[in-house]
Amino acid sequence: MSDRTKDLILKTLLVIGIVLLLVFFPGGIIISFLVPNQKTFDIIYNTIFFTMLGVGVLFMILLPIFGGLKQKPVTAEKVPLSFATYNEFLNFLQMRLSQKGYQFQKNVSISSDGDVTVYLKTPKNWTLACFTIIRVPELSDELLDSANESITNILKAYYGCETITDTINMISVFCVDRITPAFQKLVNSNVQQGFKNGRLPVGVSLGGKNIYIAKQKYGFAITKYKRLRREFIDIMDLQNINK
């Protein structure tokens, strides 16, 4: 069985389950007015319930067997990089961040030749704007984990507590010399927003002289993604790009 067929089966079961759920409630209220007697209503209602239960169980069984729902590939938005060196790009970025109200917070090393720099805006309405620059020659899954851990530690130190209650909207710029599978996966995956926090990954290939802005085509809180994308475009002063 092909992956496409498996994905179609899972999505069909999911749609059927959602429709049955809506028919069960609040649709059951409407059915109660249309059915002439209680016995017939009980038969219809029980049939809907057990069918919905069976579809749900079947979906939960097949989901891990089929390897989950497959996401469509999302190609990053590609913009030419107009800077010859990383230092030129960094100097411009630091200037623009300062103009936009971001303040340098901390720089930490994540490897012998890689580091993370965090810039923050003063929280407003319990929301913190965070801009991070991750500089590594080549991005790997291990360095990505180290960068995320370092950023989390910096944010905890900023708030002086383990639990952060503010909303964190973060733009993360990964600057690399060479593109790796980890880099491609980062920028070419559909961006997922948290229930509370927002994120926008951006890749910068110094060797290829391109900026890769990750996209969010579907999913939760897409408006939050759009605001972060506009913020990045404004910071970079990208004139010839659709906001």
C-alpha atoms as a PDB file:
ATOM      1  CA  MET A   1       0.000   0.000   0.000  1.00  0.00           C
ATOM      2  CA  SER A   2       1.414   3.383  -0.996  1.00  0.00           C
ATOM      3  CA  ASP A   3       1.940   6.266   1.443  1.00  0.00           C
ATOM      4  CA  ARG A   4      -0.626   8.288  -0.496  1.00  0.00           C
ATOM      5  CA  THR A   5      -3.269   5.582   0.019  1.00  0.00           C
ATOM      6  CA  LYS A   6      -2.455   5.312   3.727  1.00  0.00           C
ATOM      7  CA  ASP A   7      -2.707   9.084   4.110  1.00  0.00           C
ATOM      8  CA  LEU A   8      -6.037   9.119   2.264  1.00  0.00           C
ATOM      9  CA  ILE A   9      -7.458   6.377   4.522  1.00  0.00           C
ATOM     10  CA  LEU A  10      -6.410   8.224   7.692  1.00  0.00           C
ATOM     11  CA  LYS A  11      -7.791  11.554   6.494  1.00  0.00           C
ATOM     12  CA  THR A  12     -11.071   9.911   5.425  1.00  0.00           C
ATOM     13  CA  LEU A  13     -11.481   8.300   8.852  1.00  0.00           C
ATOM     14  CA  LEU A  14     -10.697  11.633  10.505  1.00  0.00           C
ATOM     15  CA  VAL A  15     -13.314  13.485   8.446  1.00  0.00           C
ATOM     16  CA  ILE A  16     -15.936  10.779   9.071  1.00  0.00           C
ATOM     17  CA  GLY A  17     -15.200  10.919  12.799  1.00  0.00           C
ATOM     18  CA  ILE A  18     -15.587  14.705  12.922  1.00  0.00           C
ATOM     19  CA  VAL A  19     -18.860  14.569  10.944  1.00  0.00           C
ATOM     20  CA  LEU A  20     -20.265  11.856  13.231  1.00  0.00           C
ATOM     21  CA  LEU A  21     -19.225  13.864  16.277  1.00  0.00           C
ATOM     22  CA  LEU A  22     -21.122  16.889  14.998  1.00  0.00           C
ATOM     23  CA  VAL A  23     -24.140  14.732  14.177  1.00  0.00           C
ATOM     24  CA  PHE A  24     -23.989  13.219  17.666  1.00  0.00           C
ATOM     25  CA  PHE A  25     -23.813  16.630  19.306  1.00  0.00           C
ATOM     26  CA  PRO A  26     -25.224  19.167  18.688  1.00  0.00           C
ATOM     27  CA  GLY A  27     -26.935  17.315  15.819  1.00  0.00           C
ATOM     28  CA  GLY A  28     -28.642  15.011  18.305  1.00  0.00           C
ATOM     29  CA  ILE A  29     -30.753  17.907  19.512  1.00  0.00           C
ATOM     30  CA  ILE A  30     -32.133  18.443  16.001  1.00  0.00           C
ATOM     31  CA  ILE A  31     -32.673  14.688  15.506  1.00  0.00           C
ATOM     32  CA  SER A  32     -34.703  14.522  18.725  1.00  0.00           C
ATOM     33  CA  PHE A  33     -37.229  16.934  17.217  1.00  0.00           C
ATOM     34  CA  LEU A  34     -37.432  15.074  13.891  1.00  0.00           C
ATOM     35  CA  VAL A  35     -37.792  11.500  15.200  1.00  0.00           C
ATOM     36  CA  PRO A  36     -41.374  10.619  16.208  1.00  0.00           C
ATOM     37  CA  ASN A  37     -40.660   8.407  19.234  1.00  0.00           C
ATOM     38  CA  GLN A  38     -37.995   7.736  21.852  1.00  0.00           C
ATOM     39  CA  LYS A  39     -37.284   4.144  20.749  1.00  0.00           C
ATOM     40  CA  THR A  40     -36.403   5.165  17.203  1.00  0.00           C
ATOM     41  CA  PHE A  41     -34.310   8.064  18.529  1.00  0.00           C
ATOM     42  CA  ASP A  42     -32.363   5.675  20.808  1.00  0.00           C
ATOM     43  CA  ILE A  43     -31.640   3.321  17.905  1.00  0.00           C
ATOM     44  CA  ILE A  44     -30.399   6.161  15.657  1.00  0.00           C
ATOM     45  CA  TYR A  45     -28.400   7.783  18.441  1.00  0.00           C
ATOM     46  CA  ASN A  46     -26.747   4.518  19.537  1.00  0.00           C
ATOM     47  CA  THR A  47     -25.918   3.647  15.932  1.00  0.00           C
ATOM     48  CA  ILE A  48     -24.209   7.010  15.454  1.00  0.00           C
ATOM     49  CA  PHE A  49     -22.355   6.691  18.763  1.00  0.00           C
ATOM     50  CA  PHE A  50     -20.976   3.188  18.194  1.00  0.00           C
ATOM     51  CA  THR A  51     -20.073   3.966  14.573  1.00  0.00           C
ATOM     52  CA  MET A  52     -18.207   7.062  15.746  1.00  0.00           C
ATOM     53  CA  LEU A  53     -16.479   4.996  18.459  1.00  0.00           C
ATOM     54  CA  GLY A  54     -15.470   2.328  15.919  1.00  0.00           C
ATOM     55  CA  VAL A  55     -14.096   4.910  13.487  1.00  0.00           C
ATOM     56  CA  GLY A  56     -12.134   6.541  16.328  1.00  0.00           C
ATOM     57  CA  VAL A  57     -10.625   3.246  17.489  1.00  0.00           C
ATOM     58  CA  LEU A  58      -9.739   2.266  13.920  1.00  0.00           C
ATOM     59  CA  PHE A  59      -8.073   5.655  13.370  1.00  0.00           C
ATOM     60  CA  MET A  60      -6.009   5.311  16.566  1.00  0.00           C
ATOM     61  CA  ILE A  61      -4.900   1.797  15.559  1.00  0.00           C
ATOM     62  CA  LEU A  62      -3.964   2.695  11.990  1.00  0.00           C
ATOM     63  CA  LEU A  63      -2.289   6.032  12.840  1.00  0.00           C
ATOM     64  CA  PRO A  64       0.957   4.519  14.265  1.00  0.00           C
ATOM     65  CA  ILE A  65       0.860   1.569  11.835  1.00  0.00           C
ATOM     66  CA  PHE A  66       0.695   3.881   8.805  1.00  0.00           C
ATOM     67  CA  GLY A  67       3.287   6.250  10.279  1.00  0.00           C
ATOM     68  CA  GLY A  68       0.959   9.158  11.003  1.00  0.00           C
ATOM     69  CA  LEU A  69      -0.552  11.757   8.715  1.00  0.00           C
ATOM     70  CA  LYS A  70       1.880  12.917   6.059  1.00  0.00           C
ATOM     71  CA  GLN A  71       2.473  16.641   5.759  1.00  0.00           C
ATOM     72  CA  LYS A  72       2.819  18.177   2.329  1.00  0.00           C
ATOM     73  CA  PRO A  73       6.321  19.533   1.662  1.00  0.00           C
ATOM     74  CA  VAL A  74       6.580  23.294   2.131  1.00  0.00           C
ATOM     75  CA  THR A  75       9.353  25.097   0.277  1.00  0.00           C
ATOM     76  CA  ALA A  76      10.872  28.068   2.082  1.00  0.00           C
ATOM     77  CA  GLU A  77      10.547  31.587   0.751  1.00  0.00           C
ATOM     78  CA  LYS A  78      13.886  32.390  -0.916  1.00  0.00           C
ATOM     79  CA  VAL A  79      15.360  35.905  -0.897  1.00  0.00           C
ATOM     80  CA  PRO A  80      18.837  36.927  -2.172  1.00  0.00           C
ATOM     81  CA  LEU A  81      21.358  37.873   0.519  1.00  0.00           C
ATOM     82  CA  SER A  82      23.018  41.166  -0.372  1.00  0.00           C
ATOM     83  CA  PHE A  83      25.945  40.948   2.068  1.00  0.00           C
ATOM     84  CA  ALA A  84      29.379  39.642   1.147  1.00  0.00           C
ATOM     85  CA  THR A  85      30.347  38.395   4.618  1.00  0.00           C
ATOM     86  CA  TYR A  86      28.726  37.348   7.869  1.00  0.00           C
ATOM     87  CA  ASN A  87      30.180  40.375   9.680  1.00  0.00           C
ATOM     88  CA  GLU A  88      28.546  42.747   7.183  1.00  0.00           C
ATOM     89  CA  PHE A  89      25.222  40.978   7.637  1.00  0.00           C
ATOM     90  CA  LEU A  90      25.593  40.961  11.432  1.00  0.00           C
ATOM     91  CA  ASN A  91      26.478  44.663  11.599  1.00  0.00           C
ATOM     92  CA  PHE A  92      23.416  45.552   9.538  1.00  0.00           C
ATOM     93  CA  LEU A  93      21.179  43.289  11.618  1.00  0.00           C
ATOM     94  CA  GLN A  94      22.453  44.730  14.905  1.00  0.00           C
ATOM     95  CA  MET A  95      21.803  48.260  13.657  1.00  0.00           C
ATOM     96  CA  ARG A  96      18.266  47.416  12.547  1.00  0.00           C
ATOM     97  CA  LEU A  97      17.456  45.564  15.758  1.00  0.00           C
ATOM     98  CA  SER A  98      18.539  48.584  17.772  1.00  0.00           C
ATOM     99  CA  GLN A  99      16.351  50.836  15.608  1.00  0.00           C
ATOM    100  CA  LYS A 100      13.382  48.536  16.181  1.00  0.00           C
ATOM    101  CA  GLY A 101      13.775  48.592  19.955  1.00  0.00           C
ATOM    102  CA  TYR A 102      15.539  45.274  20.510  1.00  0.00           C
ATOM    103  CA  GLN A 103      18.272  45.164  23.144  1.00  0.00           C
ATOM    104  CA  PHE A 104      21.240  42.817  23.306  1.00  0.00           C
ATOM    105  CA  GLN A 105      20.702  40.261  26.056  1.00  0.00           C
ATOM    106  CA  LYS A 106      23.436  37.640  25.889  1.00  0.00           C
ATOM    107  CA  ASN A 107      25.809  35.678  23.673  1.00  0.00           C
ATOM    108  CA  VAL A 108      26.674  32.064  24.516  1.00  0.00           C
ATOM    109  CA  SER A 109      28.820  29.430  22.835  1.00  0.00           C
ATOM    110  CA  ILE A 110      27.190  26.189  21.671  1.00  0.00           C
ATOM    111  CA  SER A 111      30.289  24.667  20.050  1.00  0.00           C
ATOM    112  CA  SER A 112      33.934  25.429  19.360  1.00  0.00           C
ATOM    113  CA  ASP A 113      32.915  27.528  16.336  1.00  0.00           C
ATOM    114  CA  GLY A 114      29.240  28.254  16.978  1.00  0.00           C
ATOM    115  CA  ASP A 115      27.281  30.630  19.194  1.00  0.00           C
ATOM    116  CA  VAL A 116      23.835  32.010  19.973  1.00  0.00           C
ATOM    117  CA  THR A 117      23.000  35.684  20.436  1.00  0.00           C
ATOM    118  CA  VAL A 118      19.694  36.812  21.932  1.00  0.00           C
ATOM    119  CA  TYR A 119      18.020  40.225  21.553  1.00  0.00           C
ATOM    120  CA  LEU A 120      14.855  41.138  23.463  1.00  0.00           C
ATOM    121  CA  LYS A 121      12.272  43.883  23.539  1.00  0.00           C
ATOM    122  CA  THR A 122      10.837  45.077  26.836  1.00  0.00           C
ATOM    123  CA  PRO A 123       7.694  42.952  27.397  1.00  0.00           C
ATOM    124  CA  LYS A 124       4.443  44.664  26.449  1.00  0.00           C
ATOM    125  CA  ASN A 125       1.007  43.329  27.391  1.00  0.00           C
ATOM    126  CA  TRP A 126       2.665  40.188  28.787  1.00  0.00           C
ATOM    127  CA  THR A 127       4.320  39.488  25.419  1.00  0.00           C
ATOM    128  CA  LEU A 128       8.080  39.351  24.825  1.00  0.00           C
ATOM    129  CA  ALA A 129       9.557  39.822  21.340  1.00  0.00           C
ATOM    130  CA  CYS A 130      12.712  37.735  20.987  1.00  0.00           C
ATOM    131  CA  PHE A 131      15.205  37.755  18.109  1.00  0.00           C
ATOM    132  CA  THR A 132      17.953  35.132  18.106  1.00  0.00           C
ATOM    133  CA  ILE A 133      20.955  34.693  15.838  1.00  0.00           C
ATOM    134  CA  ILE A 134      22.483  31.217  15.668  1.00  0.00           C
ATOM    135  CA  ARG A 135      25.859  31.182  13.930  1.00  0.00           C
ATOM    136  CA  VAL A 136      27.337  27.788  13.010  1.00  0.00           C
ATOM    137  CA  PRO A 137      29.332  26.655   9.961  1.00  0.00           C
ATOM    138  CA  GLU A 138      26.971  23.695   9.500  1.00  0.00           C
ATOM    139  CA  LEU A 139      23.684  23.056  11.292  1.00  0.00           C
ATOM    140  CA  SER A 140      23.061  19.627  12.819  1.00  0.00           C
ATOM    141  CA  ASP A 141      20.251  18.246  14.971  1.00  0.00           C
ATOM    142  CA  GLU A 142      22.579  18.286  17.969  1.00  0.00           C
ATOM    143  CA  LEU A 143      23.516  21.942  17.469  1.00  0.00           C
ATOM    144  CA  LEU A 144      19.846  22.813  16.978  1.00  0.00           C
ATOM    145  CA  ASP A 145      19.027  21.198  20.318  1.00  0.00           C
ATOM    146  CA  SER A 146      21.935  23.024  21.973  1.00  0.00           C
ATOM    147  CA  ALA A 147      20.787  26.345  20.533  1.00  0.00           C
ATOM    148  CA  ASN A 148      17.213  25.820  21.753  1.00  0.00           C
ATOM    149  CA  GLU A 149      18.441  24.863  25.218  1.00  0.00           C
ATOM    150  CA  SER A 150      20.727  27.910  25.418  1.00  0.00           C
ATOM    151  CA  ILE A 151      17.934  30.257  24.348  1.00  0.00           C
ATOM    152  CA  THR A 152      15.582  28.741  26.932  1.00  0.00           C
ATOM    153  CA  ASN A 153      18.205  29.212  29.661  1.00  0.00           C
ATOM    154  CA  ILE A 154      18.757  32.855  28.650  1.00  0.00           C
ATOM    155  CA  LEU A 155      15.015  33.541  28.779  1.00  0.00           C
ATOM    156  CA  LYS A 156      14.694  31.890  32.194  1.00  0.00           C
ATOM    157  CA  ALA A 157      17.594  33.996  33.485  1.00  0.00           C
ATOM    158  CA  TYR A 158      15.958  37.131  32.054  1.00  0.00           C
ATOM    159  CA  TYR A 159      12.742  36.442  33.951  1.00  0.00           C
ATOM    160  CA  GLY A 160      14.528  35.039  37.001  1.00  0.00           C
ATOM    161  CA  CYS A 161      12.298  31.966  37.210  1.00  0.00           C
ATOM    162  CA  GLU A 162      11.850  28.496  35.753  1.00  0.00           C
ATOM    163  CA  THR A 163       8.284  29.039  34.550  1.00  0.00           C
ATOM    164  CA  ILE A 164       7.709  31.832  32.034  1.00  0.00           C
ATOM    165  CA  THR A 165       4.121  33.084  31.965  1.00  0.00           C
ATOM    166  CA  ASP A 166       4.593  35.741  29.272  1.00  0.00           C
ATOM    167  CA  THR A 167       3.983  34.934  25.627  1.00  0.00           C
ATOM    168  CA  ILE A 168       7.252  34.603  23.696  1.00  0.00           C
ATOM    169  CA  ASN A 169       7.229  35.528  20.000  1.00  0.00           C
ATOM    170  CA  MET A 170      10.568  34.447  18.583  1.00  0.00           C
ATOM    171  CA  ILE A 171      12.344  34.971  15.284  1.00  0.00           C
ATOM    172  CA  SER A 172      15.341  32.641  14.991  1.00  0.00           C
ATOM    173  CA  VAL A 173      17.944  33.288  12.285  1.00  0.00           C
ATOM    174  CA  PHE A 174      20.306  30.398  11.537  1.00  0.00           C
ATOM    175  CA  CYS A 175      23.447  31.574   9.724  1.00  0.00           C
ATOM    176  CA  VAL A 176      25.472  28.803   8.086  1.00  0.00           C
ATOM    177  CA  ASP A 177      28.313  28.503   5.611  1.00  0.00           C
ATOM    178  CA  ARG A 178      27.014  25.294   4.060  1.00  0.00           C
ATOM    179  CA  ILE A 179      23.504  23.842   3.738  1.00  0.00           C
ATOM    180  CA  THR A 180      22.939  20.516   5.492  1.00  0.00           C
ATOM    181  CA  PRO A 181      19.921  18.160   5.752  1.00  0.00           C
ATOM    182  CA  ALA A 182      19.150  19.598   9.216  1.00  0.00           C
ATOM    183  CA  PHE A 183      19.131  23.120   7.749  1.00  0.00           C
ATOM    184  CA  GLN A 184      16.875  22.068   4.852  1.00  0.00           C
ATOM    185  CA  LYS A 185      14.470  20.308   7.205  1.00  0.00           C
ATOM    186  CA  LEU A 186      14.289  23.392   9.418  1.00  0.00           C
ATOM    187  CA  VAL A 187      13.431  25.884   6.675  1.00  0.00           C
ATOM    188  CA  ASN A 188      11.339  23.587   4.458  1.00  0.00           C
ATOM    189  CA  SER A 189       8.953  22.268   7.107  1.00  0.00           C
ATOM    190  CA  ASN A 190       5.544  23.794   7.716  1.00  0.00           C
ATOM    191  CA  VAL A 191       6.014  26.107  10.725  1.00  0.00           C
ATOM    192  CA  GLN A 192       4.050  25.049  13.817  1.00  0.00           C
ATOM    193  CA  GLN A 193       2.910  27.697  16.286  1.00  0.00           C
ATOM    194  CA  GLY A 194       2.482  26.906  19.945  1.00  0.00           C
ATOM    195  CA  PHE A 195      -0.797  27.430  21.770  1.00  0.00           C
ATOM    196  CA  LYS A 196       0.779  30.432  23.467  1.00  0.00           C
ATOM    197  CA  ASN A 197       4.173  31.157  21.903  1.00  0.00           C
ATOM    198  CA  GLY A 198       4.999  32.080  18.300  1.00  0.00           C
ATOM    199  CA  ARG A 199       8.030  31.195  16.189  1.00  0.00           C
ATOM    200  CA  LEU A 200       9.569  31.957  12.822  1.00  0.00           C
ATOM    201  CA  PRO A 201      12.711  30.066  11.706  1.00  0.00           C
ATOM    202  CA  VAL A 202      14.851  31.791   9.091  1.00  0.00           C
ATOM    203  CA  GLY A 203      17.907  30.308   7.414  1.00  0.00           C
ATOM    204  CA  VAL A 204      20.791  32.322   5.981  1.00  0.00           C
ATOM    205  CA  SER A 205      23.195  30.566   3.624  1.00  0.00           C
ATOM    206  CA  LEU A 206      26.389  32.605   3.504  1.00  0.00           C
ATOM    207  CA  GLY A 207      27.880  30.317   0.888  1.00  0.00           C
ATOM    208  CA  GLY A 208      24.816  30.371  -1.370  1.00  0.00           C
ATOM    209  CA  LYS A 209      24.029  34.036  -0.597  1.00  0.00           C
ATOM    210  CA  ASN A 210      20.341  33.378   0.122  1.00  0.00           C
ATOM    211  CA  ILE A 211      17.832  33.933   2.926  1.00  0.00           C
ATOM    212  CA  TYR A 212      15.274  31.178   3.493  1.00  0.00           C
ATOM    213  CA  ILE A 213      12.109  32.225   5.349  1.00  0.00           C
ATOM    214  CA  ALA A 214      10.204  29.176   6.580  1.00  0.00           C
ATOM    215  CA  LYS A 215       6.518  29.100   5.618  1.00  0.00           C
ATOM    216  CA  GLN A 216       3.314  28.208   7.401  1.00  0.00           C
ATOM    217  CA  LYS A 217       0.755  27.055   4.862  1.00  0.00           C
ATOM    218  CA  TYR A 218      -1.818  25.674   7.250  1.00  0.00           C
ATOM    219  CA  GLY A 219      -2.271  24.854  10.904  1.00  0.00           C
ATOM    220  CA  PHE A 220      -2.893  26.662  14.172  1.00  0.00           C
ATOM    221  CA  ALA A 221      -2.418  30.436  14.682  1.00  0.00           C
ATOM    222  CA  ILE A 222      -1.295  31.264  11.152  1.00  0.00           C
ATOM    223  CA  THR A 223      -1.947  34.972  11.835  1.00  0.00           C
ATOM    224  CA  LYS A 224       0.804  34.846  14.455  1.00  0.00           C
ATOM    225  CA  TYR A 225       3.186  33.507  11.804  1.00  0.00           C
ATOM    226  CA  LYS A 226       2.223  36.327   9.425  1.00  0.00           C
ATOM    227  CA  ARG A 227       2.966  38.970  12.080  1.00  0.00           C
ATOM    228  CA  LEU A 228       6.405  37.459  12.739  1.00  0.00           C
ATOM    229  CA  ARG A 229       7.148  37.296   9.025  1.00  0.00           C
ATOM    230  CA  ARG A 230       6.232  40.979   8.619  1.00  0.00           C
ATOM    231  CA  GLU A 231       8.436  41.821  11.593  1.00  0.00           C
ATOM    232  CA  PHE A 232      11.417  40.029  10.030  1.00  0.00           C
ATOM    233  CA  ILE A 233      10.838  41.732   6.665  1.00  0.00           C
ATOM    234  CA  ASP A 234      10.727  45.142   8.389  1.00  0.00           C
ATOM    235  CA  ILE A 235      13.904  44.429  10.366  1.00  0.00           C
ATOM    236  CA  MET A 236      15.742  43.305   7.232  1.00  0.00           C
ATOM    237  CA  ASP A 237      14.275  46.237   5.273  1.00  0.00           C
ATOM    238  CA  LEU A 238      13.336  43.942   2.399  1.00  0.00           C
ATOM    239  CA  GLN A 239      11.670  46.316  -0.043  1.00  0.00           C
ATOM    240  CA  ASN A 240      10.903  43.976  -2.935  1.00  0.00           C
ATOM    241  CA  ILE A 241       8.943  41.322  -1.071  1.00  0.00           C
ATOM    242  CA  ASN A 242       5.242  40.879  -0.457  1.00  0.00           C
ATOM    243  CA  LYS A 243       4.382  41.665   3.181  1.00  0.00           C
END
